């Protein structure tokens, strides 16, 4: 798998234009850092795509664990980067403002790795159940799996409404499934299993135990880095009160969801 060249990287130029139009001051810090990381690794990849993409063959049988870390943050070409980063710009900003930067950073760190694990597991099961070893060799890169997971979270925290998908109004709670099918039909080169893995991890967070685990991790990190009796909440307002205990922090954070 080699990166496809597209002239002067028109997708990258359009991405910079979108970010400029959105306004740097309007982008929360973790989302901005993610945009910067993905752009930097597109321009200066750690390795060629052949050596960072994730598959059953490389990630499981060959125990190349680095691929789980690198694959979400590398992209096949400038348009792949453009569409993923524009989606991150909107989804990330909305969620980071809702959850706070610490919680959002913990979610991104966990999702980017868990989606790779789920992807490899599904591909492995397909290869075994269908007796087709080609599933073990299918290699994927990109941030779109994480974006599908974030879409599930956005729907969870902002219920109701509908999304226009190719002229059709789809209820938001079904939008991620409709997009999964539509993208696969219109762009067969995309990873159906990678996108499905993102949806499943998102559901594991909204419907399963993953939310409690990550909320606890975020609360613990916040408690350890509390500067003193003065503290800042997620809205940036400053105040004074007694130093909250870990249980209080956890309850307050959970009440926000």
Protein backbone atom coordinates (compact mmCIF):
# COMPACT_ATOMS: atom_id res chain seq x y z
CA UNK A 1 0.00 0.00 0.00
CA UNK A 2 1.63 3.19 -1.19
CA UNK A 3 0.38 6.75 -0.89
CA UNK A 4 -1.28 7.97 -4.05
CA UNK A 5 0.11 11.21 -5.38
CA UNK A 6 -2.30 13.95 -6.42
CA UNK A 7 -0.36 16.82 -7.89
CA UNK A 8 -0.15 19.80 -5.58
CA UNK A 9 -2.17 18.17 -2.78
CA UNK A 10 -5.36 20.10 -3.50
CA UNK A 11 -7.11 18.31 -0.64
CA UNK A 12 -4.51 19.57 1.80
CA UNK A 13 -4.88 23.14 0.56
CA UNK A 14 -8.66 22.93 0.90
CA UNK A 15 -8.23 21.57 4.42
CA UNK A 16 -6.11 24.57 5.43
CA UNK A 17 -8.78 26.82 3.94
CA UNK A 18 -11.50 25.09 5.96
CA UNK A 19 -9.52 25.40 9.18
CA UNK A 20 -8.80 29.08 8.49
CA UNK A 21 -12.47 29.73 7.75
CA UNK A 22 -13.52 27.89 10.92
CA UNK A 23 -11.05 29.97 12.95
CA UNK A 24 -8.17 28.67 15.04
CA UNK A 25 -9.60 30.37 18.14
CA UNK A 26 -12.82 28.37 17.73
CA UNK A 27 -11.08 24.98 17.76
CA UNK A 28 -10.63 23.38 21.22
CA UNK A 29 -7.05 22.35 22.11
CA UNK A 30 -7.33 18.55 21.77
CA UNK A 31 -9.15 18.77 18.44
CA UNK A 32 -6.57 21.27 17.20
CA UNK A 33 -3.73 19.00 18.33
CA UNK A 34 -5.32 16.03 16.50
CA UNK A 35 -5.63 18.06 13.32
CA UNK A 36 -1.99 19.07 13.62
CA UNK A 37 -0.83 15.51 14.30
CA UNK A 38 -2.66 14.04 11.30
CA UNK A 39 -1.44 16.78 8.97
CA UNK A 40 2.12 16.47 10.24
CA UNK A 41 2.16 12.69 9.77
CA UNK A 42 0.71 13.08 6.28
CA UNK A 43 3.57 15.39 5.35
CA UNK A 44 6.19 13.47 7.38
CA UNK A 45 4.98 9.86 7.75
CA UNK A 46 6.73 7.68 10.31
CA UNK A 47 6.87 4.85 7.76
CA UNK A 48 5.33 4.10 4.39
CA UNK A 49 1.69 3.03 4.46
CA UNK A 50 2.70 -0.57 3.82
CA UNK A 51 4.39 -0.62 7.23
CA UNK A 52 1.78 1.22 9.31
CA UNK A 53 -1.52 -0.23 8.01
CA UNK A 54 -3.26 -2.70 10.31
CA UNK A 55 -4.31 -6.23 9.35
CA UNK A 56 -4.71 -9.64 10.95
CA UNK A 57 -1.55 -10.81 9.23
CA UNK A 58 0.65 -7.98 10.52
CA UNK A 59 -1.12 -6.94 13.69
CA UNK A 60 -1.90 -10.37 15.10
CA UNK A 61 0.18 -13.11 13.55
CA UNK A 62 3.35 -11.01 13.29
CA UNK A 63 2.75 -9.17 16.59
CA UNK A 64 3.57 -5.80 15.02
CA UNK A 65 1.88 -3.83 17.80
CA UNK A 66 3.16 -0.46 16.54
CA UNK A 67 0.62 -0.64 13.73
CA UNK A 68 -2.23 -0.24 16.22
CA UNK A 69 -0.65 3.02 17.37
CA UNK A 70 0.27 4.46 13.95
CA UNK A 71 -2.47 3.30 11.56
CA UNK A 72 -5.27 5.69 12.70
CA UNK A 73 -3.09 8.76 12.11
CA UNK A 74 -1.86 8.01 8.58
CA UNK A 75 -3.88 8.59 5.39
CA UNK A 76 -3.73 7.18 1.88
CA UNK A 77 -3.80 10.54 0.09
CA UNK A 78 -4.67 14.21 0.53
CA UNK A 79 -8.40 13.72 -0.14
CA UNK A 80 -8.55 10.92 2.40
CA UNK A 81 -6.96 13.33 4.88
CA UNK A 82 -9.24 16.21 3.83
CA UNK A 83 -12.57 14.44 4.34
CA UNK A 84 -11.49 12.88 7.64
CA UNK A 85 -10.08 16.09 9.08
CA UNK A 86 -13.06 18.24 8.06
CA UNK A 87 -15.28 15.70 9.80
CA UNK A 88 -12.99 15.79 12.86
CA UNK A 89 -13.10 19.59 12.87
CA UNK A 90 -16.87 19.61 13.39
CA UNK A 91 -17.38 16.45 15.43
CA UNK A 92 -14.33 17.04 17.62
CA UNK A 93 -15.20 20.65 18.38
CA UNK A 94 -18.76 19.78 19.32
CA UNK A 95 -17.81 16.84 21.53
CA UNK A 96 -14.81 18.47 23.19
CA UNK A 97 -16.94 21.47 24.17
CA UNK A 98 -19.54 19.07 25.57
CA UNK A 99 -17.24 16.70 27.44
CA UNK A 100 -14.21 18.82 28.28
CA UNK A 101 -10.69 18.46 26.90
CA UNK A 102 -9.43 15.85 29.37
CA UNK A 103 -12.35 13.46 28.83
CA UNK A 104 -12.22 13.98 25.08
CA UNK A 105 -8.48 13.25 24.99
CA UNK A 106 -8.99 10.03 26.97
CA UNK A 107 -11.77 8.97 24.59
CA UNK A 108 -9.64 9.62 21.49
CA UNK A 109 -6.66 7.73 22.94
CA UNK A 110 -8.83 4.72 23.81
CA UNK A 111 -10.95 4.71 20.65
CA UNK A 112 -7.96 4.96 18.28
CA UNK A 113 -6.54 1.75 19.75
CA UNK A 114 -9.73 -0.20 20.46
CA UNK A 115 -11.03 0.25 16.93
CA UNK A 116 -7.89 -1.40 15.56
CA UNK A 117 -8.38 -4.32 17.94
CA UNK A 118 -12.04 -4.73 16.94
CA UNK A 119 -11.10 -4.44 13.26
CA UNK A 120 -8.53 -7.24 13.53
CA UNK A 121 -10.96 -9.40 15.52
CA UNK A 122 -13.76 -9.03 12.95
CA UNK A 123 -11.40 -9.70 10.03
CA UNK A 124 -10.05 -12.77 11.82
CA UNK A 125 -13.58 -14.10 12.42
CA UNK A 126 -14.53 -13.48 8.78
CA UNK A 127 -11.44 -15.35 7.59
CA UNK A 128 -12.19 -18.32 9.87
CA UNK A 129 -15.95 -18.48 9.33
CA UNK A 130 -15.83 -17.98 5.56
CA UNK A 131 -12.61 -19.97 5.12
CA UNK A 132 -11.20 -17.06 3.15
CA UNK A 133 -7.62 -16.11 4.16
CA UNK A 134 -7.75 -12.90 2.11
CA UNK A 135 -9.52 -11.21 5.03
CA UNK A 136 -6.33 -11.71 7.05
CA UNK A 137 -4.38 -9.67 4.51
CA UNK A 138 -6.69 -6.66 4.14
CA UNK A 139 -4.77 -3.68 5.49
CA UNK A 140 -6.34 -0.39 6.60
CA UNK A 141 -5.22 3.10 7.65
CA UNK A 142 -6.99 6.31 8.51
CA UNK A 143 -9.01 8.13 11.16
CA UNK A 144 -12.47 7.36 9.78
CA UNK A 145 -13.12 4.51 12.23
CA UNK A 146 -12.63 6.95 15.11
CA UNK A 147 -14.92 9.44 13.35
CA UNK A 148 -17.70 6.86 13.11
CA UNK A 149 -17.33 6.24 16.84
CA UNK A 150 -17.49 10.00 17.50
CA UNK A 151 -20.65 10.20 15.39
CA UNK A 152 -22.27 7.62 17.67
CA UNK A 153 -21.28 9.76 20.68
CA UNK A 154 -22.59 12.94 19.05
CA UNK A 155 -25.94 11.24 18.47
CA UNK A 156 -25.96 10.05 22.07
CA UNK A 157 -25.25 13.48 23.58
CA UNK A 158 -27.35 15.44 21.06
CA UNK A 159 -30.40 13.22 20.44
CA UNK A 160 -33.16 13.97 17.99
CA UNK A 161 -33.09 15.68 14.65
CA UNK A 162 -32.18 14.24 11.28
CA UNK A 163 -29.33 14.24 8.78
CA UNK A 164 -29.60 14.82 5.04
CA UNK A 165 -27.93 11.92 3.26
CA UNK A 166 -27.95 12.29 -0.53
CA UNK A 167 -31.21 14.22 -0.33
CA UNK A 168 -32.90 11.83 2.08
CA UNK A 169 -33.68 12.84 5.67
CA UNK A 170 -32.38 10.13 8.00
CA UNK A 171 -33.05 10.25 11.79
CA UNK A 172 -29.77 10.93 13.57
CA UNK A 173 -29.95 7.72 15.60
CA UNK A 174 -29.74 5.75 12.32
CA UNK A 175 -27.42 8.11 10.46
CA UNK A 176 -24.18 6.26 11.24
CA UNK A 177 -25.62 3.00 9.88
CA UNK A 178 -26.95 4.72 6.76
CA UNK A 179 -23.56 6.36 6.16
CA UNK A 180 -21.81 3.02 6.68
CA UNK A 181 -23.81 1.45 3.84
CA UNK A 182 -23.77 4.53 1.59
CA UNK A 183 -20.01 5.04 1.80
CA UNK A 184 -19.37 1.37 1.08
CA UNK A 185 -21.62 1.43 -2.00
CA UNK A 186 -20.31 4.71 -3.37
CA UNK A 187 -16.65 4.17 -2.51
CA UNK A 188 -15.86 0.43 -2.51
CA UNK A 189 -12.19 1.07 -1.71
CA UNK A 190 -13.05 2.22 1.82
CA UNK A 191 -12.90 -0.19 4.72
CA UNK A 192 -16.42 -1.34 5.60
CA UNK A 193 -15.11 -3.33 8.56
CA UNK A 194 -13.03 -0.38 9.77
CA UNK A 195 -16.08 1.89 9.80
CA UNK A 196 -18.21 -0.83 11.40
CA UNK A 197 -15.56 -1.24 14.09
CA UNK A 198 -15.87 2.45 14.88
CA UNK A 199 -19.64 2.19 15.29
CA UNK A 200 -19.29 -0.85 17.55
CA UNK A 201 -16.74 0.88 19.79
CA UNK A 202 -18.99 3.94 19.95
CA UNK A 203 -21.90 1.73 21.03
CA UNK A 204 -19.67 0.01 23.57
CA UNK A 205 -19.14 3.46 25.07
CA UNK A 206 -22.75 4.69 24.98
CA UNK A 207 -24.44 1.37 25.88
CA UNK A 208 -21.73 -0.60 27.64
CA UNK A 209 -19.09 -0.36 30.35
CA UNK A 210 -16.52 1.59 28.38
CA UNK A 211 -17.99 4.96 29.37
CA UNK A 212 -17.61 4.22 33.08
CA UNK A 213 -14.02 3.05 32.61
CA UNK A 214 -12.96 6.09 30.58
CA UNK A 215 -14.84 8.53 32.83
CA UNK A 216 -13.00 7.06 35.79
CA UNK A 217 -9.66 7.42 33.99
CA UNK A 218 -10.44 11.03 33.09
CA UNK A 219 -11.51 11.87 36.65
CA UNK A 220 -8.38 10.25 38.08
CA UNK A 221 -6.15 12.24 35.74
CA UNK A 222 -7.98 15.45 36.62
CA UNK A 223 -7.69 14.76 40.35
CA UNK A 224 -3.96 14.07 40.14
CA UNK A 225 -3.33 17.31 38.25
CA UNK A 226 -5.52 19.54 40.41
CA UNK A 227 -3.39 22.65 41.21
CA UNK A 228 -4.90 23.39 44.61
CA UNK A 229 -8.04 24.80 46.15
CA UNK A 230 -8.58 26.98 43.08
CA UNK A 231 -9.86 25.01 40.13
CA UNK A 232 -11.28 25.45 36.63
CA UNK A 233 -14.33 23.72 35.31
CA UNK A 234 -14.84 22.65 31.72
CA UNK A 235 -16.37 26.00 30.81
CA UNK A 236 -13.22 27.87 31.82
CA UNK A 237 -14.74 29.75 34.79
CA UNK A 238 -12.60 30.14 37.86
CA UNK A 239 -13.83 29.58 41.38
CA UNK A 240 -12.86 28.49 44.86
CA UNK A 241 -14.25 25.65 46.95
CA UNK A 242 -13.08 22.73 49.03
CA UNK A 243 -10.83 20.23 47.24
CA UNK A 244 -13.24 17.58 45.85
CA UNK A 245 -12.62 13.92 46.50
CA UNK A 246 -12.21 11.43 43.69
CA UNK A 247 -15.74 10.08 44.30
CA UNK A 248 -17.18 13.61 44.12
CA UNK A 249 -15.35 14.31 40.87
CA UNK A 250 -16.60 11.08 39.38
CA UNK A 251 -20.22 11.76 40.41
CA UNK A 252 -20.12 15.32 39.09
CA UNK A 253 -18.69 14.21 35.75
CA UNK A 254 -21.18 11.37 35.37
CA UNK A 255 -24.07 13.71 36.10
CA UNK A 256 -23.13 15.77 33.05
CA UNK A 257 -23.87 12.92 30.65
